[in-house]
Amino acid sequence: MSGKAVELGAVTGQVAGDGGIEHGARLIAFTDAVLGSDDGRLAREREALRAVITPEAFVDTCALIGAFNVVDRVADATGIPLDAMLYEGSQDVRDELGLARFRSAANTPGAS
């Protein structure tokens, strides 16, 4: 939206670094820790992230991780397909991230 180039591959580990996002590497590390099972890692990443972003941004980050995780899991579990407009409009991002490799991609006709 800002017109700034970003490296989406940083999200999947295909590209090292912050992906062109301020504190991107720290945000990815925190997200990975939230979705993981190592409580010690989560505590370390939480404190590291809180040291570099505002309290409001930390709350927003946590809310976004939680909301996406639950919505994504519900969609996957119930087999909700990606609607045609979003499918077409997100083709470049899905290709860059290699999202077709995930089993849930089979829920959307035209995806493989």
C-alpha atoms as a PDB file:
ATOM      1  CA  MET A   1       0.000   0.000   0.000  1.00  0.00           C
ATOM      2  CA  SER A   2       2.886   2.346   0.677  1.00  0.00           C
ATOM      3  CA  GLY A   3       4.566   1.498  -2.609  1.00  0.00           C
ATOM      4  CA  LYS A   4       7.625   0.222  -0.769  1.00  0.00           C
ATOM      5  CA  ALA A   5       9.101  -3.014  -2.139  1.00  0.00           C
ATOM      6  CA  VAL A   6       9.042  -5.942   0.254  1.00  0.00           C
ATOM      7  CA  GLU A   7      10.472  -9.472   0.088  1.00  0.00           C
ATOM      8  CA  LEU A   8       7.598 -11.820   0.897  1.00  0.00           C
ATOM      9  CA  GLY A   9      10.050 -14.723   0.864  1.00  0.00           C
ATOM     10  CA  ALA A  10      11.207 -13.570   4.310  1.00  0.00           C
ATOM     11  CA  VAL A  11       7.935 -14.940   5.710  1.00  0.00           C
ATOM     12  CA  THR A  12       8.667 -18.457   4.440  1.00  0.00           C
ATOM     13  CA  GLY A  13      12.406 -18.363   5.092  1.00  0.00           C
ATOM     14  CA  GLN A  14      13.289 -18.226   1.397  1.00  0.00           C
ATOM     15  CA  VAL A  15      14.916 -14.833   1.958  1.00  0.00           C
ATOM     16  CA  ALA A  16      16.947 -13.920   5.032  1.00  0.00           C
ATOM     17  CA  GLY A  17      16.429 -10.673   6.869  1.00  0.00           C
ATOM     18  CA  ASP A  18      13.554  -8.345   7.548  1.00  0.00           C
ATOM     19  CA  GLY A  19      11.905  -8.535   4.129  1.00  0.00           C
ATOM     20  CA  GLY A  20      12.018  -4.763   3.822  1.00  0.00           C
ATOM     21  CA  ILE A  21       9.699  -4.287   6.807  1.00  0.00           C
ATOM     22  CA  GLU A  22      10.839  -2.400   9.895  1.00  0.00           C
ATOM     23  CA  HIS A  23      11.563  -5.051  12.557  1.00  0.00           C
ATOM     24  CA  GLY A  24      10.453  -7.690  10.032  1.00  0.00           C
ATOM     25  CA  ALA A  25      12.890 -10.368  11.210  1.00  0.00           C
ATOM     26  CA  ARG A  26      11.828  -9.785  14.811  1.00  0.00           C
ATOM     27  CA  LEU A  27       8.124  -9.956  13.865  1.00  0.00           C
ATOM     28  CA  ILE A  28       8.697 -13.230  12.005  1.00  0.00           C
ATOM     29  CA  ALA A  29      10.642 -14.709  14.910  1.00  0.00           C
ATOM     30  CA  PHE A  30       7.852 -13.755  17.310  1.00  0.00           C
ATOM     31  CA  THR A  31       5.173 -15.192  15.031  1.00  0.00           C
ATOM     32  CA  ASP A  32       7.108 -18.444  14.702  1.00  0.00           C
ATOM     33  CA  ALA A  33       7.458 -18.594  18.482  1.00  0.00           C
ATOM     34  CA  VAL A  34       3.729 -17.967  19.018  1.00  0.00           C
ATOM     35  CA  LEU A  35       2.887 -20.818  16.650  1.00  0.00           C
ATOM     36  CA  GLY A  36       5.520 -23.105  18.149  1.00  0.00           C
ATOM     37  CA  SER A  37       5.600 -25.096  21.351  1.00  0.00           C
ATOM     38  CA  ASP A  38       8.722 -23.739  23.089  1.00  0.00           C
ATOM     39  CA  ASP A  39       7.538 -21.512  25.945  1.00  0.00           C
ATOM     40  CA  GLY A  40      11.064 -20.290  26.639  1.00  0.00           C
ATOM     41  CA  ARG A  41      11.519 -19.179  23.038  1.00  0.00           C
ATOM     42  CA  LEU A  42       8.138 -17.460  23.141  1.00  0.00           C
ATOM     43  CA  ALA A  43       9.107 -15.522  26.275  1.00  0.00           C
ATOM     44  CA  ARG A  44      12.433 -14.453  24.728  1.00  0.00           C
ATOM     45  CA  GLU A  45      10.882 -13.395  21.428  1.00  0.00           C
ATOM     46  CA  ARG A  46       8.043 -11.564  23.175  1.00  0.00           C
ATOM     47  CA  GLU A  47      10.485  -9.485  25.223  1.00  0.00           C
ATOM     48  CA  ALA A  48      12.743  -8.861  22.223  1.00  0.00           C
ATOM     49  CA  LEU A  49       9.820  -7.606  20.152  1.00  0.00           C
ATOM     50  CA  ARG A  50       8.413  -5.491  22.964  1.00  0.00           C
ATOM     51  CA  ALA A  51      11.811  -3.793  23.225  1.00  0.00           C
ATOM     52  CA  VAL A  52      11.615  -2.464  19.651  1.00  0.00           C
ATOM     53  CA  ILE A  53       7.938  -1.619  19.037  1.00  0.00           C
ATOM     54  CA  THR A  54       5.330   0.395  20.913  1.00  0.00           C
ATOM     55  CA  PRO A  55       2.910  -1.289  23.309  1.00  0.00           C
ATOM     56  CA  GLU A  56       0.077  -0.497  20.901  1.00  0.00           C
ATOM     57  CA  ALA A  57       1.940  -2.076  17.988  1.00  0.00           C
ATOM     58  CA  PHE A  58       2.620  -5.157  20.145  1.00  0.00           C
ATOM     59  CA  VAL A  59      -1.088  -5.553  20.913  1.00  0.00           C
ATOM     60  CA  ASP A  60      -1.919  -5.107  17.223  1.00  0.00           C
ATOM     61  CA  THR A  61       0.694  -7.726  16.309  1.00  0.00           C
ATOM     62  CA  CYS A  62      -0.735 -10.235  18.791  1.00  0.00           C
ATOM     63  CA  ALA A  63      -4.286  -9.596  17.611  1.00  0.00           C
ATOM     64  CA  LEU A  64      -3.294 -10.050  13.976  1.00  0.00           C
ATOM     65  CA  ILE A  65      -1.465 -13.316  14.661  1.00  0.00           C
ATOM     66  CA  GLY A  66      -4.402 -14.654  16.661  1.00  0.00           C
ATOM     67  CA  ALA A  67      -7.074 -13.560  14.203  1.00  0.00           C
ATOM     68  CA  PHE A  68      -5.268 -14.888  11.166  1.00  0.00           C
ATOM     69  CA  ASN A  69      -4.455 -18.173  12.881  1.00  0.00           C
ATOM     70  CA  VAL A  70      -8.056 -18.870  13.877  1.00  0.00           C
ATOM     71  CA  VAL A  71      -9.644 -17.706  10.614  1.00  0.00           C
ATOM     72  CA  ASP A  72      -7.124 -19.643   8.551  1.00  0.00           C
ATOM     73  CA  ARG A  73      -7.652 -22.820  10.589  1.00  0.00           C
ATOM     74  CA  VAL A  74     -11.436 -22.596  10.335  1.00  0.00           C
ATOM     75  CA  ALA A  75     -11.250 -22.056   6.578  1.00  0.00           C
ATOM     76  CA  ASP A  76      -8.862 -24.977   6.160  1.00  0.00           C
ATOM     77  CA  ALA A  77     -10.816 -27.312   8.436  1.00  0.00           C
ATOM     78  CA  THR A  78     -14.118 -26.633   6.728  1.00  0.00           C
ATOM     79  CA  GLY A  79     -12.718 -26.605   3.194  1.00  0.00           C
ATOM     80  CA  ILE A  80     -13.749 -23.040   2.395  1.00  0.00           C
ATOM     81  CA  PRO A  81     -12.351 -22.176  -1.049  1.00  0.00           C
ATOM     82  CA  LEU A  82     -10.702 -18.899  -1.905  1.00  0.00           C
ATOM     83  CA  ASP A  83     -13.278 -16.831  -3.812  1.00  0.00           C
ATOM     84  CA  ALA A  84     -12.587 -16.121  -7.501  1.00  0.00           C
ATOM     85  CA  MET A  85     -11.877 -12.397  -7.080  1.00  0.00           C
ATOM     86  CA  LEU A  86      -9.339 -12.955  -4.292  1.00  0.00           C
ATOM     87  CA  TYR A  87      -7.867 -15.941  -6.129  1.00  0.00           C
ATOM     88  CA  GLU A  88      -7.161 -13.866  -9.239  1.00  0.00           C
ATOM     89  CA  GLY A  89      -6.037 -10.794  -7.326  1.00  0.00           C
ATOM     90  CA  SER A  90      -3.573 -12.686  -5.167  1.00  0.00           C
ATOM     91  CA  GLN A  91      -1.952 -14.911  -7.804  1.00  0.00           C
ATOM     92  CA  ASP A  92       1.431 -13.150  -7.714  1.00  0.00           C
ATOM     93  CA  VAL A  93       1.639 -13.247  -3.908  1.00  0.00           C
ATOM     94  CA  ARG A  94       0.553 -16.899  -3.751  1.00  0.00           C
ATOM     95  CA  ASP A  95       3.136 -17.806  -6.400  1.00  0.00           C
ATOM     96  CA  GLU A  96       5.912 -15.890  -4.638  1.00  0.00           C
ATOM     97  CA  LEU A  97       5.158 -17.637  -1.337  1.00  0.00           C
ATOM     98  CA  GLY A  98       4.583 -21.041  -2.929  1.00  0.00           C
ATOM     99  CA  LEU A  99       1.187 -21.391  -1.238  1.00  0.00           C
ATOM    100  CA  ALA A 100      -0.008 -24.043  -3.702  1.00  0.00           C
ATOM    101  CA  ARG A 101       2.268 -26.528  -1.896  1.00  0.00           C
ATOM    102  CA  PHE A 102      -0.084 -26.588   1.089  1.00  0.00           C
ATOM    103  CA  ARG A 103      -2.769 -29.268   1.189  1.00  0.00           C
ATOM    104  CA  SER A 104      -5.529 -26.706   1.783  1.00  0.00           C
ATOM    105  CA  ALA A 105      -4.860 -25.210  -1.676  1.00  0.00           C
ATOM    106  CA  ALA A 106      -6.831 -28.164  -3.044  1.00  0.00           C
ATOM    107  CA  ASN A 107     -10.007 -26.590  -1.586  1.00  0.00           C
ATOM    108  CA  THR A 108      -9.963 -23.908  -4.272  1.00  0.00           C
ATOM    109  CA  PRO A 109     -10.829 -24.981  -7.821  1.00  0.00           C
ATOM    110  CA  GLY A 110      -8.065 -23.952 -10.179  1.00  0.00           C
ATOM    111  CA  ALA A 111      -5.452 -24.153  -7.440  1.00  0.00           C
ATOM    112  CA  SER A 112      -3.078 -27.061  -7.165  1.00  0.00           C
END
